[in-house]
N, C-alpha and C. Protein backbone atom coordinates (compact mmCIF):
# COMPACT_ATOMS: atom_id res chain seq x y z
N MET A 1 36.41 -55.77 1.43
CA MET A 1 35.22 -55.50 2.20
C MET A 1 34.37 -54.48 1.44
N ASN A 2 33.09 -54.75 1.31
CA ASN A 2 32.18 -53.82 0.65
C ASN A 2 31.76 -52.72 1.62
N ILE A 3 32.04 -51.50 1.24
CA ILE A 3 31.69 -50.35 2.07
C ILE A 3 30.90 -49.37 1.21
N SER A 4 29.73 -48.98 1.70
CA SER A 4 28.85 -48.09 0.93
C SER A 4 29.43 -46.68 0.86
N LYS A 5 28.81 -45.84 0.01
CA LYS A 5 29.27 -44.46 -0.15
C LYS A 5 29.16 -43.68 1.16
N ALA A 6 28.05 -43.84 1.85
CA ALA A 6 27.86 -43.12 3.11
C ALA A 6 28.89 -43.56 4.14
N GLU A 7 29.21 -44.85 4.17
CA GLU A 7 30.22 -45.35 5.09
C GLU A 7 31.60 -44.81 4.71
N GLN A 8 31.89 -44.74 3.41
CA GLN A 8 33.17 -44.20 2.95
C GLN A 8 33.31 -42.73 3.34
N ARG A 9 32.24 -41.95 3.16
CA ARG A 9 32.30 -40.54 3.52
C ARG A 9 32.55 -40.37 5.02
N THR A 10 31.86 -41.18 5.81
CA THR A 10 32.03 -41.10 7.26
C THR A 10 33.45 -41.49 7.66
N LEU A 11 33.96 -42.58 7.10
CA LEU A 11 35.32 -43.00 7.41
C LEU A 11 36.35 -41.97 6.99
N HIS A 12 36.10 -41.31 5.86
CA HIS A 12 37.03 -40.29 5.38
C HIS A 12 37.08 -39.10 6.34
N VAL A 13 35.94 -38.68 6.82
CA VAL A 13 35.89 -37.59 7.81
C VAL A 13 36.60 -38.00 9.09
N LEU A 14 36.39 -39.24 9.51
CA LEU A 14 37.05 -39.72 10.73
C LEU A 14 38.55 -39.85 10.54
N ALA A 15 38.99 -40.27 9.35
CA ALA A 15 40.42 -40.41 9.09
C ALA A 15 41.13 -39.06 9.11
N ARG A 16 40.40 -38.00 8.82
CA ARG A 16 40.99 -36.66 8.83
C ARG A 16 40.89 -36.00 10.19
N GLY A 17 40.48 -36.74 11.23
CA GLY A 17 40.47 -36.19 12.58
C GLY A 17 39.10 -35.96 13.17
N GLY A 18 38.06 -36.40 12.50
CA GLY A 18 36.70 -36.22 13.01
C GLY A 18 36.36 -37.24 14.09
N ALA A 19 35.15 -37.14 14.61
CA ALA A 19 34.69 -38.05 15.65
C ALA A 19 33.19 -38.25 15.52
N ILE A 20 32.71 -39.37 16.03
CA ILE A 20 31.27 -39.63 16.09
C ILE A 20 30.84 -39.46 17.53
N LEU A 21 29.95 -38.51 17.75
CA LEU A 21 29.43 -38.24 19.08
C LEU A 21 28.08 -38.93 19.23
N VAL A 22 27.87 -39.62 20.33
CA VAL A 22 26.61 -40.33 20.55
C VAL A 22 25.93 -39.77 21.79
N GLU A 23 24.60 -39.80 21.75
CA GLU A 23 23.79 -39.44 22.91
C GLU A 23 23.09 -40.69 23.38
N LYS A 24 23.10 -40.90 24.69
CA LYS A 24 22.47 -42.08 25.27
C LYS A 24 21.35 -41.67 26.21
N ASN A 25 20.38 -42.57 26.37
CA ASN A 25 19.31 -42.31 27.32
C ASN A 25 19.71 -42.84 28.70
N GLU A 26 18.81 -42.82 29.66
CA GLU A 26 19.11 -43.24 31.02
C GLU A 26 19.50 -44.71 31.10
N ALA A 27 18.96 -45.51 30.20
CA ALA A 27 19.25 -46.95 30.20
C ALA A 27 20.58 -47.26 29.53
N GLY A 28 21.21 -46.27 28.92
CA GLY A 28 22.50 -46.49 28.28
C GLY A 28 22.41 -46.85 26.81
N LYS A 29 21.20 -46.82 26.24
CA LYS A 29 21.04 -47.12 24.82
C LYS A 29 21.30 -45.87 23.99
N ILE A 30 21.92 -46.05 22.85
CA ILE A 30 22.24 -44.93 21.96
C ILE A 30 20.96 -44.46 21.28
N ILE A 31 20.68 -43.16 21.39
CA ILE A 31 19.46 -42.62 20.78
C ILE A 31 19.76 -41.68 19.62
N GLU A 32 20.96 -41.09 19.60
CA GLU A 32 21.29 -40.16 18.51
C GLU A 32 22.78 -40.24 18.20
N VAL A 33 23.09 -40.14 16.89
CA VAL A 33 24.47 -40.22 16.42
C VAL A 33 24.78 -38.95 15.62
N ASN A 34 25.93 -38.35 15.88
CA ASN A 34 26.35 -37.13 15.19
C ASN A 34 27.81 -37.27 14.79
N CYS A 35 28.11 -37.18 13.48
CA CYS A 35 29.49 -37.24 13.01
C CYS A 35 29.97 -35.82 12.78
N VAL A 36 31.06 -35.45 13.46
CA VAL A 36 31.58 -34.09 13.41
C VAL A 36 33.00 -34.12 12.86
N SER A 37 33.28 -33.25 11.88
CA SER A 37 34.63 -33.17 11.32
C SER A 37 35.52 -32.40 12.28
N ARG A 38 36.82 -32.38 12.02
CA ARG A 38 37.74 -31.67 12.91
C ARG A 38 37.52 -30.17 12.85
N GLU A 39 36.88 -29.66 11.78
CA GLU A 39 36.58 -28.24 11.67
C GLU A 39 35.28 -27.87 12.38
N GLY A 40 34.53 -28.87 12.82
CA GLY A 40 33.28 -28.62 13.53
C GLY A 40 32.03 -28.78 12.70
N TRP A 41 32.17 -29.19 11.44
CA TRP A 41 31.01 -29.40 10.58
C TRP A 41 30.38 -30.75 10.86
N THR A 42 29.04 -30.83 10.70
CA THR A 42 28.31 -32.07 10.90
C THR A 42 28.09 -32.75 9.56
N LEU A 43 28.33 -34.05 9.50
CA LEU A 43 28.14 -34.83 8.29
C LEU A 43 26.72 -35.39 8.28
N ALA A 44 25.95 -35.05 7.24
CA ALA A 44 24.56 -35.48 7.16
C ALA A 44 24.43 -36.96 6.78
N ASP A 45 25.44 -37.54 6.14
CA ASP A 45 25.36 -38.93 5.70
C ASP A 45 25.50 -39.93 6.83
N CYS A 46 25.96 -39.51 7.97
CA CYS A 46 26.20 -40.43 9.08
C CYS A 46 24.90 -40.63 9.87
N SER A 47 24.17 -41.66 9.53
CA SER A 47 22.93 -41.99 10.23
C SER A 47 23.20 -43.07 11.27
N PHE A 48 22.17 -43.43 12.01
CA PHE A 48 22.32 -44.48 13.02
C PHE A 48 22.65 -45.82 12.37
N GLY A 49 22.07 -46.09 11.20
CA GLY A 49 22.34 -47.33 10.49
C GLY A 49 23.79 -47.42 10.02
N VAL A 50 24.31 -46.32 9.50
CA VAL A 50 25.72 -46.29 9.05
C VAL A 50 26.63 -46.50 10.26
N PHE A 51 26.35 -45.82 11.35
CA PHE A 51 27.15 -45.96 12.56
C PHE A 51 27.13 -47.40 13.06
N ARG A 52 25.95 -48.02 13.06
CA ARG A 52 25.82 -49.40 13.53
C ARG A 52 26.63 -50.36 12.68
N ARG A 53 26.62 -50.16 11.34
CA ARG A 53 27.39 -51.03 10.45
C ARG A 53 28.89 -50.84 10.66
N LEU A 54 29.33 -49.59 10.83
CA LEU A 54 30.75 -49.33 11.07
C LEU A 54 31.21 -49.95 12.39
N ARG A 55 30.40 -49.85 13.40
CA ARG A 55 30.76 -50.41 14.70
C ARG A 55 30.76 -51.93 14.66
N LYS A 56 29.80 -52.50 13.94
CA LYS A 56 29.71 -53.96 13.82
C LYS A 56 30.94 -54.53 13.11
N ARG A 57 31.44 -53.81 12.10
CA ARG A 57 32.62 -54.26 11.35
C ARG A 57 33.92 -53.87 12.03
N ARG A 58 33.84 -53.22 13.19
CA ARG A 58 34.99 -52.78 13.99
C ARG A 58 35.86 -51.76 13.25
N LEU A 59 35.22 -50.92 12.47
CA LEU A 59 35.93 -49.85 11.77
C LEU A 59 36.01 -48.59 12.61
N VAL A 60 35.12 -48.47 13.61
CA VAL A 60 35.17 -47.37 14.57
C VAL A 60 35.07 -47.97 15.97
N ALA A 61 35.65 -47.27 16.94
CA ALA A 61 35.61 -47.74 18.32
C ALA A 61 35.72 -46.54 19.26
N SER A 62 35.20 -46.73 20.46
CA SER A 62 35.29 -45.73 21.49
C SER A 62 36.25 -46.23 22.56
N SER A 63 37.01 -45.33 23.12
CA SER A 63 37.93 -45.75 24.17
C SER A 63 37.77 -44.85 25.38
N GLY A 64 37.59 -45.46 26.52
CA GLY A 64 37.46 -44.70 27.77
C GLY A 64 36.21 -43.84 27.85
N GLY A 65 35.14 -44.23 27.18
CA GLY A 65 33.90 -43.46 27.22
C GLY A 65 33.91 -42.21 26.36
N GLY A 66 34.93 -42.05 25.53
CA GLY A 66 35.04 -40.88 24.67
C GLY A 66 34.27 -41.05 23.37
N PRO A 67 34.43 -40.13 22.45
CA PRO A 67 33.74 -40.24 21.16
C PRO A 67 34.32 -41.40 20.33
N TYR A 68 33.53 -41.85 19.37
CA TYR A 68 33.98 -42.93 18.50
C TYR A 68 34.95 -42.36 17.47
N ARG A 69 36.07 -43.04 17.30
CA ARG A 69 37.09 -42.65 16.34
C ARG A 69 37.40 -43.83 15.44
N ILE A 70 38.09 -43.57 14.34
CA ILE A 70 38.42 -44.60 13.38
C ILE A 70 39.50 -45.52 13.97
N THR A 71 39.39 -46.82 13.68
CA THR A 71 40.38 -47.79 14.13
C THR A 71 41.42 -48.01 13.04
N LEU A 72 42.43 -48.80 13.34
CA LEU A 72 43.45 -49.12 12.36
C LEU A 72 42.84 -49.88 11.18
N LEU A 73 41.93 -50.80 11.47
CA LEU A 73 41.24 -51.53 10.40
C LEU A 73 40.42 -50.57 9.54
N GLY A 74 39.80 -49.57 10.15
CA GLY A 74 39.05 -48.56 9.41
C GLY A 74 39.94 -47.74 8.51
N ARG A 75 41.13 -47.40 8.99
CA ARG A 75 42.07 -46.63 8.16
C ARG A 75 42.54 -47.44 6.97
N ARG A 76 42.69 -48.72 7.15
CA ARG A 76 43.11 -49.57 6.03
C ARG A 76 41.97 -49.77 5.03
N SER A 77 40.74 -49.69 5.48
CA SER A 77 39.58 -49.95 4.62
C SER A 77 39.13 -48.74 3.82
N VAL A 78 39.43 -47.54 4.27
CA VAL A 78 38.96 -46.34 3.59
C VAL A 78 39.74 -46.12 2.30
N ARG A 79 39.02 -45.75 1.25
CA ARG A 79 39.67 -45.44 -0.02
C ARG A 79 40.16 -44.01 -0.01
N ALA A 80 41.24 -43.75 -0.73
CA ALA A 80 41.77 -42.39 -0.80
C ALA A 80 40.82 -41.50 -1.59
N GLN A 81 40.68 -40.26 -1.17
CA GLN A 81 39.86 -39.28 -1.86
C GLN A 81 40.67 -38.00 -2.02
N MET A 82 40.34 -37.25 -3.05
CA MET A 82 40.97 -35.97 -3.25
C MET A 82 40.54 -35.00 -2.15
N ASP A 83 41.46 -34.18 -1.74
CA ASP A 83 41.14 -33.13 -0.78
C ASP A 83 40.54 -31.97 -1.55
N ASN A 84 39.29 -31.63 -1.26
CA ASN A 84 38.58 -30.61 -2.03
C ASN A 84 38.87 -29.19 -1.56
N ARG A 85 39.77 -29.02 -0.62
CA ARG A 85 40.09 -27.67 -0.18
C ARG A 85 41.02 -26.99 -1.16
N ALA A 86 40.88 -25.68 -1.29
CA ALA A 86 41.73 -24.93 -2.21
C ALA A 86 43.01 -24.50 -1.57
């Protein structure tokens, strides 16, 4: 599966315990997407387009009205990256 750099970065943050928080309007349509790491940092690469592609490919899912998290298929699709922490 072809996954762009921005999608890979987002999946990597989600695989390490992050979540995608969405804001909806009164009609229930998603108006804003925010990807937050487990440390509380916001990922700038996670745009609405990236989120839409990840959701369409079923790499992220929401359960019980909670934040979007990585699925098993998403974990299998993400490439390994070095941990940049010291």
